[in-house]
Amino acid sequence: MLFVILFVLLVYSMVAVYFKDRFLFGTKVNGMKVSCKTVKQVEDMISSQLLDYSIKINERNDNSEVIFGSDIGLENTFDDTLSNYVKKQNTIGWIVSLFKKKDVELEKLIVYDKMKYEDVVSGLMCLSDESRIVQPVDAHISDYSDGQYTVVPEEQGSLVNKDRLKETLDSAILS
């Protein structure tokens, strides 16, 4: 019986040592599953995602545009944030992580060039192509015709609020 207890303690301790430089079970960093991965592996995952990063903007009238990460100078900024998080984990209590998921939101893992971003956003067709910009029109009552008035439905148009678009894109890119 003593042998079994010692064996269980040994295995438990070995797993705790294993997690000394790895993320515990059930851990997600900014939505990515990173369980049992080292900081280097997580950094590589983030870097590989940035290579193919793009965001599609669906506009009205079935138009769309795409911004690529390379267009705005998107790059990673790894400091000690990930490794500090791993160091602060309770590796002795690793068994709790089997039952309790941990979603971690870390800021400043990626950045982009603000000037390139401004240029790309300003150059979007939805903001710069006058032929695609349609002003919205409120619903209104028509002129009197054929003995009646009718309600003319609203037209949503395709005019874009640039500040709101930039705020939404900024949030989407950094998340």
Protein backbone atom coordinates (compact mmCIF):
# COMPACT_ATOMS: atom_id res chain seq x y z
CA MET A 1 0.00 0.00 0.00
CA LEU A 2 2.84 2.37 0.86
CA PHE A 3 4.39 1.64 -2.53
CA VAL A 4 1.17 2.71 -4.30
CA ILE A 5 0.98 5.95 -2.34
CA LEU A 6 4.62 6.75 -3.05
CA PHE A 7 4.12 5.93 -6.72
CA VAL A 8 1.07 8.23 -6.95
CA LEU A 9 2.98 11.03 -5.20
CA LEU A 10 5.93 10.54 -7.54
CA VAL A 11 3.73 10.72 -10.64
CA TYR A 12 1.87 13.73 -9.25
CA SER A 13 5.18 15.50 -8.56
CA MET A 14 6.50 14.67 -12.02
CA VAL A 15 3.43 16.22 -13.62
CA ALA A 16 3.88 19.32 -11.44
CA VAL A 17 7.49 19.60 -12.64
CA TYR A 18 6.32 19.09 -16.23
CA PHE A 19 4.07 22.17 -15.91
CA LYS A 20 6.88 24.31 -14.52
CA ASP A 21 7.46 25.79 -18.00
CA ARG A 22 4.12 24.93 -19.64
CA PHE A 23 0.56 26.16 -19.54
CA LEU A 24 -1.78 24.08 -17.37
CA PHE A 25 -4.63 21.97 -18.73
CA GLY A 26 -7.65 23.92 -19.97
CA THR A 27 -5.78 27.19 -20.50
CA LYS A 28 -6.66 29.53 -23.34
CA VAL A 29 -4.73 32.70 -24.14
CA ASN A 30 -6.73 35.23 -26.14
CA GLY A 31 -9.01 32.43 -27.33
CA MET A 32 -6.21 30.02 -28.37
CA LYS A 33 -5.97 26.63 -26.70
CA VAL A 34 -2.51 26.48 -25.14
CA SER A 35 -2.81 23.55 -22.74
CA CYS A 36 0.52 21.77 -22.16
CA LYS A 37 2.38 24.14 -24.49
CA THR A 38 5.57 26.04 -23.70
CA VAL A 39 5.81 29.81 -24.02
CA LYS A 40 7.93 29.35 -27.18
CA GLN A 41 5.27 27.11 -28.74
CA VAL A 42 2.56 29.69 -27.97
CA GLU A 43 4.68 32.49 -29.40
CA ASP A 44 5.20 30.41 -32.56
CA MET A 45 1.43 29.81 -32.80
CA ILE A 46 0.73 33.53 -32.57
CA SER A 47 3.47 34.35 -35.10
CA SER A 48 2.15 31.83 -37.62
CA GLN A 49 -1.35 33.27 -37.32
CA LEU A 50 -0.02 36.73 -38.08
CA LEU A 51 1.55 35.57 -41.34
CA ASP A 52 -1.87 34.79 -42.82
CA TYR A 53 -3.87 37.41 -40.93
CA SER A 54 -6.61 39.21 -42.82
CA ILE A 55 -9.88 40.84 -41.89
CA LYS A 56 -12.79 41.03 -44.30
CA ILE A 57 -15.13 44.01 -44.22
CA ASN A 58 -18.59 43.16 -45.51
CA GLU A 59 -20.29 46.26 -46.81
CA ARG A 60 -23.80 46.96 -47.96
CA ASN A 61 -24.76 46.33 -51.58
CA ASP A 62 -22.79 43.05 -51.57
CA ASN A 63 -19.41 44.79 -51.55
CA SER A 64 -16.49 43.64 -49.43
CA GLU A 65 -12.88 44.59 -48.83
CA VAL A 66 -9.96 42.82 -47.15
CA ILE A 67 -7.18 44.24 -45.01
CA PHE A 68 -4.10 42.04 -44.68
CA GLY A 69 -1.84 42.09 -41.65
CA SER A 70 1.13 42.93 -43.84
CA ASP A 71 -0.72 46.03 -45.14
CA ILE A 72 -0.81 47.54 -41.65
CA GLY A 73 2.54 46.25 -40.37
CA LEU A 74 0.97 43.74 -38.00
CA GLU A 75 3.59 42.06 -35.82
CA ASN A 76 3.98 40.36 -32.48
CA THR A 77 5.42 42.03 -29.42
CA PHE A 78 6.51 39.30 -27.08
CA ASP A 79 7.80 40.53 -23.80
CA ASP A 80 7.75 38.57 -20.55
CA THR A 81 3.95 38.54 -20.30
CA LEU A 82 3.51 34.88 -21.31
CA SER A 83 6.46 33.56 -19.32
CA ASN A 84 5.40 35.56 -16.25
CA TYR A 85 1.95 34.03 -16.49
CA VAL A 86 3.42 30.50 -16.65
CA LYS A 87 5.67 31.23 -13.67
CA LYS A 88 2.70 32.41 -11.59
CA GLN A 89 0.68 29.24 -12.20
CA ASN A 90 0.12 26.91 -9.27
CA THR A 91 1.82 23.83 -10.72
CA ILE A 92 1.37 21.85 -7.48
CA GLY A 93 -2.39 22.26 -7.91
CA TRP A 94 -2.27 21.15 -11.56
CA ILE A 95 -5.02 18.57 -11.02
CA VAL A 96 -7.57 21.37 -10.49
CA SER A 97 -6.90 22.55 -14.05
CA LEU A 98 -8.42 19.31 -15.33
CA PHE A 99 -11.80 20.52 -14.08
CA LYS A 100 -11.46 24.28 -14.17
CA LYS A 101 -10.87 26.06 -17.48
CA LYS A 102 -8.83 29.26 -17.55
CA ASP A 103 -9.38 31.93 -20.21
CA VAL A 104 -6.63 34.52 -20.12
CA GLU A 105 -6.84 37.79 -22.05
CA LEU A 106 -3.41 39.31 -22.51
CA GLU A 107 -2.94 42.68 -24.14
CA LYS A 108 -0.06 43.84 -26.28
CA LEU A 109 0.82 40.51 -27.85
CA ILE A 110 0.40 42.12 -31.27
CA VAL A 111 0.76 45.66 -32.56
CA TYR A 112 0.41 47.39 -35.88
CA ASP A 113 1.82 50.50 -37.52
CA LYS A 114 -0.66 53.32 -36.84
CA MET A 115 0.39 55.30 -39.93
CA LYS A 116 -0.02 52.31 -42.26
CA TYR A 117 -3.35 51.53 -40.59
CA GLU A 118 -4.59 55.10 -41.16
CA ASP A 119 -3.50 54.97 -44.81
CA VAL A 120 -5.20 51.62 -45.40
CA VAL A 121 -8.44 52.64 -43.70
CA SER A 122 -8.54 55.98 -45.52
CA GLY A 123 -8.03 54.14 -48.81
CA LEU A 124 -10.93 51.74 -48.32
CA MET A 125 -13.38 51.98 -51.20
CA CYS A 126 -16.29 52.31 -48.79
CA LEU A 127 -14.77 55.61 -47.63
CA SER A 128 -13.05 56.91 -50.75
CA ASP A 129 -15.05 55.80 -53.81
CA GLU A 130 -17.82 58.37 -54.26
CA SER A 131 -19.65 56.09 -56.70
CA ARG A 132 -20.10 53.49 -53.93
CA ILE A 133 -21.18 55.92 -51.22
CA VAL A 134 -24.96 56.29 -51.02
CA GLN A 135 -26.44 58.68 -48.49
CA PRO A 136 -29.15 57.23 -46.25
CA VAL A 137 -32.71 58.54 -46.69
CA ASP A 138 -35.31 58.46 -43.92
CA ALA A 139 -38.76 57.02 -44.55
CA HIS A 140 -41.15 59.79 -45.49
CA ILE A 141 -44.62 60.46 -46.80
CA SER A 142 -44.85 60.81 -50.55
CA ASP A 143 -46.37 63.68 -52.42
CA TYR A 144 -50.12 63.50 -52.87
CA SER A 145 -50.84 61.39 -55.94
CA ASP A 146 -53.79 59.38 -57.18
CA GLY A 147 -55.86 60.60 -54.26
CA GLN A 148 -53.56 59.28 -51.55
CA TYR A 149 -50.32 59.60 -49.68
CA THR A 150 -47.97 56.65 -49.36
CA VAL A 151 -45.02 55.92 -47.11
CA VAL A 152 -41.77 55.85 -48.99
CA PRO A 153 -39.51 53.34 -47.18
CA GLU A 154 -36.13 54.30 -45.82
CA GLU A 155 -32.95 53.67 -47.75
CA GLN A 156 -30.07 52.61 -45.52
CA GLY A 157 -27.46 53.80 -47.96
CA SER A 158 -23.83 52.83 -47.69
CA LEU A 159 -22.34 55.83 -45.91
CA VAL A 160 -19.78 54.68 -43.34
CA ASN A 161 -19.01 56.37 -40.03
CA LYS A 162 -15.21 56.41 -40.31
CA ASP A 163 -14.54 56.81 -36.58
CA ARG A 164 -16.82 53.91 -35.71
CA LEU A 165 -15.29 51.76 -38.45
CA LYS A 166 -11.78 52.49 -37.15
CA GLU A 167 -12.80 51.70 -33.58
CA THR A 168 -14.40 48.40 -34.63
CA LEU A 169 -11.44 47.40 -36.81
CA ASP A 170 -8.97 48.30 -34.08
CA SER A 171 -10.84 46.14 -31.60
CA ALA A 172 -11.09 43.24 -34.06
CA ILE A 173 -7.42 43.35 -35.05
CA LEU A 174 -6.12 43.42 -31.49
CA SER A 175 -8.40 40.66 -30.23
